[in-house]
Amino acid sequence: MFGDHQPLFSDDSFYETIYANTEGLTELDQTLNQYKAPFVIWANYDIEEASDYDISMNYLGVLLMETAGIPMSSYFQYLSDFMEEYPILTPRGYEDAEGNFYSWSGEETEFPEYRILQYYNLFS
């Protein structure tokens, strides 16, 4: 189960109020928390339990297939490999496997192969 909708607020005062009451969060953590959404993978047979799993929603299909033991297409296999290097992609930037966060350049030059495959998968 997964839901990716959060209320749209006309300004950031809601988030500012919440984060003002949360000690120890960096500005980056505050920004990334706006994109976090809990999810559950449930099966009617035993699967390995996991918690505190930080991945982007674009990888949920990969995680589901891996958990269920479903063979992946070459596209999903690519995503599985890409997820190992860059587990988090957000509209604000991306995080590598070592936990380093990078902002997008604004020139759309990051990950050209991923962008092409994503476009092809959506529109072919």
PDB file of N, CA and C in Angstrom:
ATOM      1  N   MET A   1       0.849  -1.170   0.000  1.00  0.00           N
ATOM      2  CA  MET A   1       0.000   0.000   0.000  1.00  0.00           C
ATOM      3  C   MET A   1       0.889   1.226   0.000  1.00  0.00           C
ATOM      4  N   PHE A   2       0.545   2.168  -0.837  1.00  0.00           N
ATOM      5  CA  PHE A   2       1.356   3.372  -0.949  1.00  0.00           C
ATOM      6  C   PHE A   2       0.468   4.525  -1.374  1.00  0.00           C
ATOM      7  N   GLY A   3       0.672   5.658  -0.771  1.00  0.00           N
ATOM      8  CA  GLY A   3      -0.017   6.877  -1.175  1.00  0.00           C
ATOM      9  C   GLY A   3       0.996   7.997  -1.265  1.00  0.00           C
ATOM     10  N   ASP A   4       0.991   8.700  -2.377  1.00  0.00           N
ATOM     11  CA  ASP A   4       2.004   9.736  -2.560  1.00  0.00           C
ATOM     12  C   ASP A   4       1.427  11.151  -2.495  1.00  0.00           C
ATOM     13  N   HIS A   5       0.233  11.285  -1.984  1.00  0.00           N
ATOM     14  CA  HIS A   5      -0.369  12.613  -1.928  1.00  0.00           C
ATOM     15  C   HIS A   5      -0.278  13.188  -0.518  1.00  0.00           C
ATOM     16  N   GLN A   6       0.108  14.421  -0.455  1.00  0.00           N
ATOM     17  CA  GLN A   6       0.074  15.170   0.795  1.00  0.00           C
ATOM     18  C   GLN A   6      -0.672  16.464   0.499  1.00  0.00           C
ATOM     19  N   PRO A   7      -1.201  17.086   1.495  1.00  0.00           N
ATOM     20  CA  PRO A   7      -1.950  18.319   1.245  1.00  0.00           C
ATOM     21  C   PRO A   7      -1.060  19.384   0.612  1.00  0.00           C
ATOM     22  N   LEU A   8      -1.638  20.139  -0.294  1.00  0.00           N
ATOM     23  CA  LEU A   8      -0.926  21.258  -0.903  1.00  0.00           C
ATOM     24  C   LEU A   8      -1.222  22.504  -0.071  1.00  0.00           C
ATOM     25  N   PHE A   9      -0.185  23.128   0.412  1.00  0.00           N
ATOM     26  CA  PHE A   9      -0.338  24.333   1.216  1.00  0.00           C
ATOM     27  C   PHE A   9       0.083  25.541   0.399  1.00  0.00           C
ATOM     28  N   SER A  10      -0.618  26.638   0.576  1.00  0.00           N
ATOM     29  CA  SER A  10      -0.343  27.827  -0.223  1.00  0.00           C
ATOM     30  C   SER A  10       0.997  28.468   0.122  1.00  0.00           C
ATOM     31  N   ASP A  11       1.491  28.201   1.305  1.00  0.00           N
ATOM     32  CA  ASP A  11       2.827  28.689   1.672  1.00  0.00           C
ATOM     33  C   ASP A  11       3.508  27.651   2.553  1.00  0.00           C
ATOM     34  N   ASP A  12       4.749  27.911   2.896  1.00  0.00           N
ATOM     35  CA  ASP A  12       5.533  26.936   3.659  1.00  0.00           C
ATOM     36  C   ASP A  12       5.381  27.080   5.165  1.00  0.00           C
ATOM     37  N   SER A  13       4.473  27.916   5.647  1.00  0.00           N
ATOM     38  CA  SER A  13       4.367  28.149   7.088  1.00  0.00           C
ATOM     39  C   SER A  13       3.993  26.874   7.854  1.00  0.00           C
ATOM     40  N   PHE A  14       3.206  25.991   7.240  1.00  0.00           N
ATOM     41  CA  PHE A  14       2.856  24.736   7.896  1.00  0.00           C
ATOM     42  C   PHE A  14       4.115  23.936   8.208  1.00  0.00           C
ATOM     43  N   TYR A  15       4.963  23.755   7.193  1.00  0.00           N
ATOM     44  CA  TYR A  15       6.201  23.003   7.396  1.00  0.00           C
ATOM     45  C   TYR A  15       7.134  23.721   8.365  1.00  0.00           C
ATOM     46  N   GLU A  16       7.211  25.028   8.252  1.00  0.00           N
ATOM     47  CA  GLU A  16       8.069  25.797   9.153  1.00  0.00           C
ATOM     48  C   GLU A  16       7.638  25.613  10.604  1.00  0.00           C
ATOM     49  N   THR A  17       6.330  25.568  10.849  1.00  0.00           N
ATOM     50  CA  THR A  17       5.818  25.361  12.206  1.00  0.00           C
ATOM     51  C   THR A  17       6.189  23.975  12.720  1.00  0.00           C
ATOM     52  N   ILE A  18       6.007  22.967  11.888  1.00  0.00           N
ATOM     53  CA  ILE A  18       6.345  21.599  12.286  1.00  0.00           C
ATOM     54  C   ILE A  18       7.840  21.484  12.580  1.00  0.00           C
ATOM     55  N   TYR A  19       8.668  21.973  11.675  1.00  0.00           N
ATOM     56  CA  TYR A  19      10.109  21.800  11.822  1.00  0.00           C
ATOM     57  C   TYR A  19      10.684  22.677  12.921  1.00  0.00           C
ATOM     58  N   ALA A  20      10.024  23.777  13.251  1.00  0.00           N
ATOM     59  CA  ALA A  20      10.479  24.620  14.354  1.00  0.00           C
ATOM     60  C   ALA A  20      10.381  23.856  15.674  1.00  0.00           C
ATOM     61  N   ASN A  21       9.486  22.879  15.712  1.00  0.00           N
ATOM     62  CA  ASN A  21       9.294  22.070  16.912  1.00  0.00           C
ATOM     63  C   ASN A  21      10.048  20.738  16.859  1.00  0.00           C
ATOM     64  N   THR A  22      10.892  20.567  15.859  1.00  0.00           N
ATOM     65  CA  THR A  22      11.661  19.331  15.705  1.00  0.00           C
ATOM     66  C   THR A  22      13.139  19.669  15.786  1.00  0.00           C
ATOM     67  N   GLU A  23      13.746  19.312  16.897  1.00  0.00           N
ATOM     68  CA  GLU A  23      15.149  19.633  17.111  1.00  0.00           C
ATOM     69  C   GLU A  23      16.057  18.679  16.352  1.00  0.00           C
ATOM     70  N   GLY A  24      17.204  19.198  15.934  1.00  0.00           N
ATOM     71  CA  GLY A  24      18.241  18.366  15.357  1.00  0.00           C
ATOM     72  C   GLY A  24      18.130  18.106  13.873  1.00  0.00           C
ATOM     73  N   LEU A  25      17.114  18.621  13.200  1.00  0.00           N
ATOM     74  CA  LEU A  25      16.997  18.407  11.764  1.00  0.00           C
ATOM     75  C   LEU A  25      17.707  19.514  11.003  1.00  0.00           C
ATOM     76  N   THR A  26      18.518  19.119  10.035  1.00  0.00           N
ATOM     77  CA  THR A  26      19.154  20.106   9.170  1.00  0.00           C
ATOM     78  C   THR A  26      18.119  20.611   8.167  1.00  0.00           C
ATOM     79  N   GLU A  27      18.447  21.658   7.483  1.00  0.00           N
ATOM     80  CA  GLU A  27      17.548  22.188   6.456  1.00  0.00           C
ATOM     81  C   GLU A  27      17.324  21.142   5.365  1.00  0.00           C
ATOM     82  N   LEU A  28      18.373  20.389   5.020  1.00  0.00           N
ATOM     83  CA  LEU A  28      18.244  19.334   4.022  1.00  0.00           C
ATOM     84  C   LEU A  28      17.284  18.254   4.509  1.00  0.00           C
ATOM     85  N   ASP A  29      17.424  17.827   5.770  1.00  0.00           N
ATOM     86  CA  ASP A  29      16.511  16.824   6.328  1.00  0.00           C
ATOM     87  C   ASP A  29      15.070  17.318   6.289  1.00  0.00           C
ATOM     88  N   GLN A  30      14.869  18.574   6.606  1.00  0.00           N
ATOM     89  CA  GLN A  30      13.527  19.141   6.581  1.00  0.00           C
ATOM     90  C   GLN A  30      12.948  19.079   5.173  1.00  0.00           C
ATOM     91  N   THR A  31      13.754  19.437   4.191  1.00  0.00           N
ATOM     92  CA  THR A  31      13.294  19.411   2.803  1.00  0.00           C
ATOM     93  C   THR A  31      12.987  17.987   2.363  1.00  0.00           C
ATOM     94  N   LEU A  32      13.892  17.045   2.646  1.00  0.00           N
ATOM     95  CA  LEU A  32      13.686  15.665   2.213  1.00  0.00           C
ATOM     96  C   LEU A  32      12.504  15.018   2.916  1.00  0.00           C
ATOM     97  N   ASN A  33      12.236  15.403   4.156  1.00  0.00           N
ATOM     98  CA  ASN A  33      11.092  14.840   4.875  1.00  0.00           C
ATOM     99  C   ASN A  33       9.766  15.172   4.206  1.00  0.00           C
ATOM    100  N   GLN A  34       9.737  16.243   3.424  1.00  0.00           N
ATOM    101  CA  GLN A  34       8.507  16.591   2.717  1.00  0.00           C
ATOM    102  C   GLN A  34       8.178  15.577   1.625  1.00  0.00           C
ATOM    103  N   TYR A  35       9.157  14.761   1.238  1.00  0.00           N
ATOM    104  CA  TYR A  35       8.962  13.792   0.163  1.00  0.00           C
ATOM    105  C   TYR A  35       8.880  12.357   0.672  1.00  0.00           C
ATOM    106  N   LYS A  36       8.901  12.158   1.978  1.00  0.00           N
ATOM    107  CA  LYS A  36       8.842  10.810   2.527  1.00  0.00           C
ATOM    108  C   LYS A  36       7.400  10.357   2.650  1.00  0.00           C
ATOM    109  N   ALA A  37       7.188   9.095   2.309  1.00  0.00           N
ATOM    110  CA  ALA A  37       5.852   8.497   2.434  1.00  0.00           C
ATOM    111  C   ALA A  37       6.024   7.051   2.878  1.00  0.00           C
ATOM    112  N   PRO A  38       5.326   6.666   3.926  1.00  0.00           N
ATOM    113  CA  PRO A  38       5.427   5.262   4.359  1.00  0.00           C
ATOM    114  C   PRO A  38       4.750   4.341   3.348  1.00  0.00           C
ATOM    115  N   PHE A  39       5.217   3.096   3.306  1.00  0.00           N
ATOM    116  CA  PHE A  39       4.590   2.109   2.445  1.00  0.00           C
ATOM    117  C   PHE A  39       4.683   0.745   3.103  1.00  0.00           C
ATOM    118  N   VAL A  40       3.833  -0.169   2.625  1.00  0.00           N
ATOM    119  CA  VAL A  40       3.787  -1.527   3.152  1.00  0.00           C
ATOM    120  C   VAL A  40       3.763  -2.478   1.970  1.00  0.00           C
ATOM    121  N   ILE A  41       4.577  -3.513   2.042  1.00  0.00           N
ATOM    122  CA  ILE A  41       4.471  -4.629   1.098  1.00  0.00           C
ATOM    123  C   ILE A  41       3.968  -5.801   1.923  1.00  0.00           C
ATOM    124  N   TRP A  42       2.809  -6.308   1.553  1.00  0.00           N
ATOM    125  CA  TRP A  42       2.167  -7.379   2.315  1.00  0.00           C
ATOM    126  C   TRP A  42       2.047  -8.605   1.414  1.00  0.00           C
ATOM    127  N   ALA A  43       2.230  -9.762   1.986  1.00  0.00           N
ATOM    128  CA  ALA A  43       2.052 -11.013   1.255  1.00  0.00           C
ATOM    129  C   ALA A  43       1.303 -11.996   2.139  1.00  0.00           C
ATOM    130  N   ASN A  44       0.610 -12.925   1.516  1.00  0.00           N
ATOM    131  CA  ASN A  44      -0.091 -13.947   2.293  1.00  0.00           C
ATOM    132  C   ASN A  44       0.799 -15.170   2.515  1.00  0.00           C
ATOM    133  N   TYR A  45       2.099 -14.966   2.406  1.00  0.00           N
ATOM    134  CA  TYR A  45       3.098 -15.976   2.735  1.00  0.00           C
ATOM    135  C   TYR A  45       4.268 -15.240   3.389  1.00  0.00           C
ATOM    136  N   ASP A  46       5.165 -15.975   4.006  1.00  0.00           N
ATOM    137  CA  ASP A  46       6.268 -15.334   4.728  1.00  0.00           C
ATOM    138  C   ASP A  46       7.217 -14.627   3.772  1.00  0.00           C
ATOM    139  N   ILE A  47       7.474 -13.364   4.089  1.00  0.00           N
ATOM    140  CA  ILE A  47       8.500 -12.593   3.394  1.00  0.00           C
ATOM    141  C   ILE A  47       9.381 -11.958   4.463  1.00  0.00           C
ATOM    142  N   GLU A  48      10.566 -11.609   4.072  1.00  0.00           N
ATOM    143  CA  GLU A  48      11.480 -10.985   5.017  1.00  0.00           C
ATOM    144  C   GLU A  48      10.964  -9.603   5.397  1.00  0.00           C
ATOM    145  N   GLU A  49      10.951  -9.334   6.688  1.00  0.00           N
ATOM    146  CA  GLU A  49      10.499  -8.024   7.157  1.00  0.00           C
ATOM    147  C   GLU A  49      11.626  -7.006   7.023  1.00  0.00           C
ATOM    148  N   ALA A  50      11.247  -5.779   6.765  1.00  0.00           N
ATOM    149  CA  ALA A  50      12.214  -4.684   6.669  1.00  0.00           C
ATOM    150  C   ALA A  50      11.543  -3.422   7.184  1.00  0.00           C
ATOM    151  N   SER A  51      12.332  -2.526   7.707  1.00  0.00           N
ATOM    152  CA  SER A  51      11.810  -1.234   8.142  1.00  0.00           C
ATOM    153  C   SER A  51      12.886  -0.180   7.899  1.00  0.00           C
ATOM    154  N   ASP A  52      12.477   1.080   8.019  1.00  0.00           N
ATOM    155  CA  ASP A  52      13.388   2.197   7.772  1.00  0.00           C
ATOM    156  C   ASP A  52      14.074   2.076   6.418  1.00  0.00           C
ATOM    157  N   TYR A  53      13.285   1.821   5.405  1.00  0.00           N
ATOM    158  CA  TYR A  53      13.774   1.624   4.048  1.00  0.00           C
ATOM    159  C   TYR A  53      13.675   2.953   3.303  1.00  0.00           C
ATOM    160  N   ASP A  54      14.785   3.550   2.972  1.00  0.00           N
ATOM    161  CA  ASP A  54      14.777   4.827   2.259  1.00  0.00           C
ATOM    162  C   ASP A  54      15.093   4.609   0.784  1.00  0.00           C
ATOM    163  N   ILE A  55      14.046   4.681  -0.032  1.00  0.00           N
ATOM    164  CA  ILE A  55      14.186   4.609  -1.482  1.00  0.00           C
ATOM    165  C   ILE A  55      13.198   5.590  -2.085  1.00  0.00           C
ATOM    166  N   SER A  56      13.384   5.882  -3.344  1.00  0.00           N
ATOM    167  CA  SER A  56      12.440   6.734  -4.070  1.00  0.00           C
ATOM    168  C   SER A  56      11.262   5.912  -4.555  1.00  0.00           C
ATOM    169  N   MET A  57      10.153   6.597  -4.781  1.00  0.00           N
ATOM    170  CA  MET A  57       8.971   5.878  -5.221  1.00  0.00           C
ATOM    171  C   MET A  57       9.158   5.245  -6.597  1.00  0.00           C
ATOM    172  N   ASN A  58      10.093   5.748  -7.401  1.00  0.00           N
ATOM    173  CA  ASN A  58      10.336   5.142  -8.707  1.00  0.00           C
ATOM    174  C   ASN A  58      10.909   3.734  -8.589  1.00  0.00           C
ATOM    175  N   TYR A  59      11.373   3.347  -7.393  1.00  0.00           N
ATOM    176  CA  TYR A  59      11.936   2.020  -7.169  1.00  0.00           C
ATOM    177  C   TYR A  59      10.961   1.057  -6.476  1.00  0.00           C
ATOM    178  N   LEU A  60       9.765   1.480  -6.160  1.00  0.00           N
ATOM    179  CA  LEU A  60       8.832   0.605  -5.449  1.00  0.00           C
ATOM    180  C   LEU A  60       8.504  -0.656  -6.241  1.00  0.00           C
ATOM    181  N   GLY A  61       8.375  -0.537  -7.547  1.00  0.00           N
ATOM    182  CA  GLY A  61       8.119  -1.710  -8.381  1.00  0.00           C
ATOM    183  C   GLY A  61       9.261  -2.708  -8.312  1.00  0.00           C
ATOM    184  N   VAL A  62      10.488  -2.199  -8.310  1.00  0.00           N
ATOM    185  CA  VAL A  62      11.664  -3.064  -8.195  1.00  0.00           C
ATOM    186  C   VAL A  62      11.638  -3.803  -6.863  1.00  0.00           C
ATOM    187  N   LEU A  63      11.394  -3.060  -5.790  1.00  0.00           N
ATOM    188  CA  LEU A  63      11.365  -3.670  -4.464  1.00  0.00           C
ATOM    189  C   LEU A  63      10.263  -4.725  -4.368  1.00  0.00           C
ATOM    190  N   LEU A  64       9.116  -4.437  -4.942  1.00  0.00           N
ATOM    191  CA  LEU A  64       8.010  -5.400  -4.944  1.00  0.00           C
ATOM    192  C   LEU A  64       8.395  -6.666  -5.702  1.00  0.00           C
ATOM    193  N   MET A  65       8.979  -6.513  -6.878  1.00  0.00           N
ATOM    194  CA  MET A  65       9.381  -7.683  -7.669  1.00  0.00           C
ATOM    195  C   MET A  65      10.462  -8.494  -6.962  1.00  0.00           C
ATOM    196  N   GLU A  66      11.427  -7.807  -6.368  1.00  0.00           N
ATOM    197  CA  GLU A  66      12.477  -8.517  -5.629  1.00  0.00           C
ATOM    198  C   GLU A  66      11.882  -9.274  -4.443  1.00  0.00           C
ATOM    199  N   THR A  67      10.983  -8.637  -3.717  1.00  0.00           N
ATOM    200  CA  THR A  67      10.368  -9.253  -2.542  1.00  0.00           C
ATOM    201  C   THR A  67       9.533 -10.465  -2.931  1.00  0.00           C
ATOM    202  N   ALA A  68       8.808 -10.351  -4.033  1.00  0.00           N
ATOM    203  CA  ALA A  68       7.924 -11.440  -4.477  1.00  0.00           C
ATOM    204  C   ALA A  68       8.652 -12.486  -5.320  1.00  0.00           C
ATOM    205  N   GLY A  69       9.908 -12.226  -5.684  1.00  0.00           N
ATOM    206  CA  GLY A  69      10.653 -13.169  -6.510  1.00  0.00           C
ATOM    207  C   GLY A  69      10.188 -13.203  -7.946  1.00  0.00           C
ATOM    208  N   ILE A  70       9.659 -12.084  -8.431  1.00  0.00           N
ATOM    209  CA  ILE A  70       9.161 -11.990  -9.807  1.00  0.00           C
ATOM    210  C   ILE A  70      10.320 -11.618 -10.728  1.00  0.00           C
ATOM    211  N   PRO A  71      10.483 -12.327 -11.842  1.00  0.00           N
ATOM    212  CA  PRO A  71      11.547 -11.960 -12.795  1.00  0.00           C
ATOM    213  C   PRO A  71      11.329 -10.549 -13.324  1.00  0.00           C
ATOM    214  N   MET A  72      12.416  -9.818 -13.460  1.00  0.00           N
ATOM    215  CA  MET A  72      12.328  -8.424 -13.899  1.00  0.00           C
ATOM    216  C   MET A  72      12.701  -8.277 -15.366  1.00  0.00           C
ATOM    217  N   SER A  73      12.040  -7.335 -16.021  1.00  0.00           N
ATOM    218  CA  SER A  73      12.419  -6.971 -17.375  1.00  0.00           C
ATOM    219  C   SER A  73      13.780  -6.268 -17.322  1.00  0.00           C
ATOM    220  N   SER A  74      14.377  -6.037 -18.456  1.00  0.00           N
ATOM    221  CA  SER A  74      15.675  -5.360 -18.479  1.00  0.00           C
ATOM    222  C   SER A  74      15.553  -3.942 -17.918  1.00  0.00           C
ATOM    223  N   TYR A  75      14.407  -3.295 -18.115  1.00  0.00           N
ATOM    224  CA  TYR A  75      14.202  -1.957 -17.565  1.00  0.00           C
ATOM    225  C   TYR A  75      14.231  -1.988 -16.032  1.00  0.00           C
ATOM    226  N   PHE A  76      13.495  -2.924 -15.448  1.00  0.00           N
ATOM    227  CA  PHE A  76      13.473  -3.005 -13.982  1.00  0.00           C
ATOM    228  C   PHE A  76      14.805  -3.502 -13.426  1.00  0.00           C
ATOM    229  N   GLN A  77      15.518  -4.325 -14.166  1.00  0.00           N
ATOM    230  CA  GLN A  77      16.852  -4.736 -13.735  1.00  0.00           C
ATOM    231  C   GLN A  77      17.793  -3.535 -13.734  1.00  0.00           C
ATOM    232  N   TYR A  78      17.666  -2.681 -14.751  1.00  0.00           N
ATOM    233  CA  TYR A  78      18.456  -1.444 -14.785  1.00  0.00           C
ATOM    234  C   TYR A  78      18.139  -0.599 -13.553  1.00  0.00           C
ATOM    235  N   LEU A  79      16.844  -0.446 -13.249  1.00  0.00           N
ATOM    236  CA  LEU A  79      16.456   0.335 -12.075  1.00  0.00           C
ATOM    237  C   LEU A  79      17.013  -0.269 -10.790  1.00  0.00           C
ATOM    238  N   SER A  80      17.009  -1.590 -10.696  1.00  0.00           N
ATOM    239  CA  SER A  80      17.539  -2.256  -9.519  1.00  0.00           C
ATOM    240  C   SER A  80      19.028  -1.928  -9.333  1.00  0.00           C
ATOM    241  N   ASP A  81      19.777  -1.972 -10.419  1.00  0.00           N
ATOM    242  CA  ASP A  81      21.207  -1.640 -10.364  1.00  0.00           C
ATOM    243  C   ASP A  81      21.411  -0.160 -10.053  1.00  0.00           C
ATOM    244  N   PHE A  82      20.596   0.691 -10.664  1.00  0.00           N
ATOM    245  CA  PHE A  82      20.701   2.144 -10.455  1.00  0.00           C
ATOM    246  C   PHE A  82      20.362   2.505  -9.007  1.00  0.00           C
ATOM    247  N   MET A  83      19.389   1.785  -8.436  1.00  0.00           N
ATOM    248  CA  MET A  83      18.973   2.013  -7.055  1.00  0.00           C
ATOM    249  C   MET A  83      20.132   1.760  -6.086  1.00  0.00           C
ATOM    250  N   GLU A  84      20.998   0.811  -6.406  1.00  0.00           N
ATOM    251  CA  GLU A  84      22.153   0.535  -5.552  1.00  0.00           C
ATOM    252  C   GLU A  84      23.081   1.745  -5.472  1.00  0.00           C
ATOM    253  N   GLU A  85      23.215   2.476  -6.563  1.00  0.00           N
ATOM    254  CA  GLU A  85      24.096   3.646  -6.594  1.00  0.00           C
ATOM    255  C   GLU A  85      23.411   4.918  -6.109  1.00  0.00           C
ATOM    256  N   TYR A  86      22.142   5.085  -6.496  1.00  0.00           N
ATOM    257  CA  TYR A  86      21.389   6.303  -6.170  1.00  0.00           C
ATOM    258  C   TYR A  86      20.010   5.916  -5.652  1.00  0.00           C
ATOM    259  N   PRO A  87      19.907   5.599  -4.359  1.00  0.00           N
ATOM    260  CA  PRO A  87      18.633   5.106  -3.819  1.00  0.00           C
ATOM    261  C   PRO A  87      17.539   6.158  -3.693  1.00  0.00           C
ATOM    262  N   ILE A  88      17.890   7.438  -3.756  1.00  0.00           N
ATOM    263  CA  ILE A  88      16.875   8.474  -3.576  1.00  0.00           C
ATOM    264  C   ILE A  88      16.998   9.535  -4.668  1.00  0.00           C
ATOM    265  N   LEU A  89      15.896   9.717  -5.392  1.00  0.00           N
ATOM    266  CA  LEU A  89      15.770  10.787  -6.385  1.00  0.00           C
ATOM    267  C   LEU A  89      14.530  11.586  -6.006  1.00  0.00           C
ATOM    268  N   THR A  90      14.682  12.884  -5.831  1.00  0.00           N
ATOM    269  CA  THR A  90      13.545  13.744  -5.496  1.00  0.00           C
ATOM    270  C   THR A  90      13.525  14.934  -6.439  1.00  0.00           C
ATOM    271  N   PRO A  91      12.451  15.695  -6.440  1.00  0.00           N
ATOM    272  CA  PRO A  91      12.442  16.924  -7.237  1.00  0.00           C
ATOM    273  C   PRO A  91      13.521  17.929  -6.788  1.00  0.00           C
ATOM    274  N   ARG A  92      14.005  17.804  -5.568  1.00  0.00           N
ATOM    275  CA  ARG A  92      15.025  18.730  -5.048  1.00  0.00           C
ATOM    276  C   ARG A  92      16.451  18.285  -5.335  1.00  0.00           C
ATOM    277  N   GLY A  93      16.648  16.991  -5.611  1.00  0.00           N
ATOM    278  CA  GLY A  93      17.991  16.480  -5.853  1.00  0.00           C
ATOM    279  C   GLY A  93      18.025  14.982  -5.669  1.00  0.00           C
ATOM    280  N   TYR A  94      19.220  14.445  -5.486  1.00  0.00           N
ATOM    281  CA  TYR A  94      19.382  13.001  -5.368  1.00  0.00           C
ATOM    282  C   TYR A  94      20.453  12.674  -4.339  1.00  0.00           C
ATOM    283  N   GLU A  95      20.358  11.449  -3.826  1.00  0.00           N
ATOM    284  CA  GLU A  95      21.294  10.990  -2.811  1.00  0.00           C
ATOM    285  C   GLU A  95      21.991   9.734  -3.309  1.00  0.00           C
ATOM    286  N   ASP A  96      23.302   9.653  -3.096  1.00  0.00           N
ATOM    287  CA  ASP A  96      24.025   8.457  -3.506  1.00  0.00           C
ATOM    288  C   ASP A  96      24.031   7.424  -2.384  1.00  0.00           C
ATOM    289  N   ALA A  97      24.612   6.267  -2.665  1.00  0.00           N
ATOM    290  CA  ALA A  97      24.603   5.152  -1.711  1.00  0.00           C
ATOM    291  C   ALA A  97      25.362   5.475  -0.429  1.00  0.00           C
ATOM    292  N   GLU A  98      26.267   6.443  -0.471  1.00  0.00           N
ATOM    293  CA  GLU A  98      27.015   6.832   0.727  1.00  0.00           C
ATOM    294  C   GLU A  98      26.286   7.888   1.557  1.00  0.00           C
ATOM    295  N   GLY A  99      25.118   8.329   1.097  1.00  0.00           N
ATOM    296  CA  GLY A  99      24.344   9.313   1.840  1.00  0.00           C
ATOM    297  C   GLY A  99      24.653  10.756   1.482  1.00  0.00           C
ATOM    298  N   ASN A 100      25.433  10.964   0.430  1.00  0.00           N
ATOM    299  CA  ASN A 100      25.725  12.331  -0.026  1.00  0.00           C
ATOM    300  C   ASN A 100      24.572  12.849  -0.868  1.00  0.00           C
ATOM    301  N   PHE A 101      24.129  14.064  -0.579  1.00  0.00           N
ATOM    302  CA  PHE A 101      23.006  14.654  -1.307  1.00  0.00           C
ATOM    303  C   PHE A 101      23.527  15.679  -2.300  1.00  0.00           C
ATOM    304  N   TYR A 102      22.951  15.673  -3.503  1.00  0.00           N
ATOM    305  CA  TYR A 102      23.341  16.596  -4.564  1.00  0.00           C
ATOM    306  C   TYR A 102      22.097  17.294  -5.097  1.00  0.00           C
ATOM    307  N   SER A 103      22.193  18.576  -5.309  1.00  0.00           N
ATOM    308  CA  SER A 103      21.101  19.315  -5.941  1.00  0.00           C
ATOM    309  C   SER A 103      21.206  19.133  -7.455  1.00  0.00           C
ATOM    310  N   TRP A 104      20.059  19.196  -8.114  1.00  0.00           N
ATOM    311  CA  TRP A 104      20.065  19.113  -9.574  1.00  0.00           C
ATOM    312  C   TRP A 104      20.761  20.343 -10.151  1.00  0.00           C
ATOM    313  N   SER A 105      21.429  20.183 -11.248  1.00  0.00           N
ATOM    314  CA  SER A 105      22.157  21.288 -11.873  1.00  0.00           C
ATOM    315  C   SER A 105      21.213  22.288 -12.526  1.00  0.00           C
ATOM    316  N   GLY A 106      20.019  21.841 -12.889  1.00  0.00           N
ATOM    317  CA  GLY A 106      19.081  22.696 -13.613  1.00  0.00           C
ATOM    318  C   GLY A 106      19.263  22.583 -15.117  1.00  0.00           C
ATOM    319  N   GLU A 107      20.288  21.853 -15.532  1.00  0.00           N
ATOM    320  CA  GLU A 107      20.561  21.687 -16.958  1.00  0.00           C
ATOM    321  C   GLU A 107      20.127  20.326 -17.485  1.00  0.00           C
ATOM    322  N   GLU A 108      19.573  19.496 -16.605  1.00  0.00           N
ATOM    323  CA  GLU A 108      19.100  18.155 -16.952  1.00  0.00           C
ATOM    324  C   GLU A 108      20.197  17.300 -17.575  1.00  0.00           C
ATOM    325  N   THR A 109      21.409  17.414 -17.039  1.00  0.00           N
ATOM    326  CA  THR A 109      22.534  16.641 -17.558  1.00  0.00           C
ATOM    327  C   THR A 109      22.849  15.421 -16.709  1.00  0.00           C
ATOM    328  N   GLU A 110      22.251  15.327 -15.515  1.00  0.00           N
ATOM    329  CA  GLU A 110      22.498  14.189 -14.651  1.00  0.00           C
ATOM    330  C   GLU A 110      21.780  12.951 -15.184  1.00  0.00           C
ATOM    331  N   PHE A 111      22.431  11.827 -15.139  1.00  0.00           N
ATOM    332  CA  PHE A 111      21.869  10.514 -15.459  1.00  0.00           C
ATOM    333  C   PHE A 111      21.185  10.465 -16.831  1.00  0.00           C
ATOM    334  N   PRO A 112      21.892  10.776 -17.900  1.00  0.00           N
ATOM    335  CA  PRO A 112      21.241  10.797 -19.229  1.00  0.00           C
ATOM    336  C   PRO A 112      20.662   9.438 -19.636  1.00  0.00           C
ATOM    337  N   GLU A 113      21.345   8.334 -19.315  1.00  0.00           N
ATOM    338  CA  GLU A 113      20.831   7.010 -19.684  1.00  0.00           C
ATOM    339  C   GLU A 113      19.513   6.724 -18.948  1.00  0.00           C
ATOM    340  N   TYR A 114      19.469   7.054 -17.666  1.00  0.00           N
ATOM    341  CA  TYR A 114      18.245   6.865 -16.884  1.00  0.00           C
ATOM    342  C   TYR A 114      17.103   7.694 -17.480  1.00  0.00           C
ATOM    343  N   ARG A 115      17.382   8.931 -17.823  1.00  0.00           N
ATOM    344  CA  ARG A 115      16.347   9.809 -18.390  1.00  0.00           C
ATOM    345  C   ARG A 115      15.795   9.241 -19.698  1.00  0.00           C
ATOM    346  N   ILE A 116      16.685   8.730 -20.545  1.00  0.00           N
ATOM    347  CA  ILE A 116      16.259   8.165 -21.826  1.00  0.00           C
ATOM    348  C   ILE A 116      15.403   6.921 -21.597  1.00  0.00           C
ATOM    349  N   LEU A 117      15.852   6.020 -20.738  1.00  0.00           N
ATOM    350  CA  LEU A 117      15.101   4.795 -20.455  1.00  0.00           C
ATOM    351  C   LEU A 117      13.753   5.109 -19.812  1.00  0.00           C
ATOM    352  N   GLN A 118      13.734   6.082 -18.919  1.00  0.00           N
ATOM    353  CA  GLN A 118      12.483   6.469 -18.274  1.00  0.00           C
ATOM    354  C   GLN A 118      11.505   7.022 -19.322  1.00  0.00           C
ATOM    355  N   TYR A 119      11.974   7.872 -20.189  1.00  0.00           N
ATOM    356  CA  TYR A 119      11.134   8.436 -21.248  1.00  0.00           C
ATOM    357  C   TYR A 119      10.614   7.321 -22.156  1.00  0.00           C
ATOM    358  N   TYR A 120      11.514   6.432 -22.558  1.00  0.00           N
ATOM    359  CA  TYR A 120      11.125   5.335 -23.443  1.00  0.00           C
ATOM    360  C   TYR A 120      10.083   4.449 -22.766  1.00  0.00           C
ATOM    361  N   ASN A 121      10.261   4.166 -21.490  1.00  0.00           N
ATOM    362  CA  ASN A 121       9.323   3.305 -20.777  1.00  0.00           C
ATOM    363  C   ASN A 121       7.944   3.973 -20.654  1.00  0.00           C
ATOM    364  N   LEU A 122       7.924   5.268 -20.490  1.00  0.00           N
ATOM    365  CA  LEU A 122       6.637   5.986 -20.355  1.00  0.00           C
ATOM    366  C   LEU A 122       5.898   6.135 -21.668  1.00  0.00           C
ATOM    367  N   PHE A 123       6.628   6.356 -22.768  1.00  0.00           N
ATOM    368  CA  PHE A 123       5.980   6.755 -24.014  1.00  0.00           C
ATOM    369  C   PHE A 123       6.129   5.755 -25.159  1.00  0.00           C
ATOM    370  N   SER A 124       6.512   4.543 -24.858  1.00  0.00           N
ATOM    371  CA  SER A 124       6.609   3.574 -25.957  1.00  0.00           C
ATOM    372  C   SER A 124       5.603   2.461 -25.766  1.00  0.00           C
TER     373      SER A 124
END
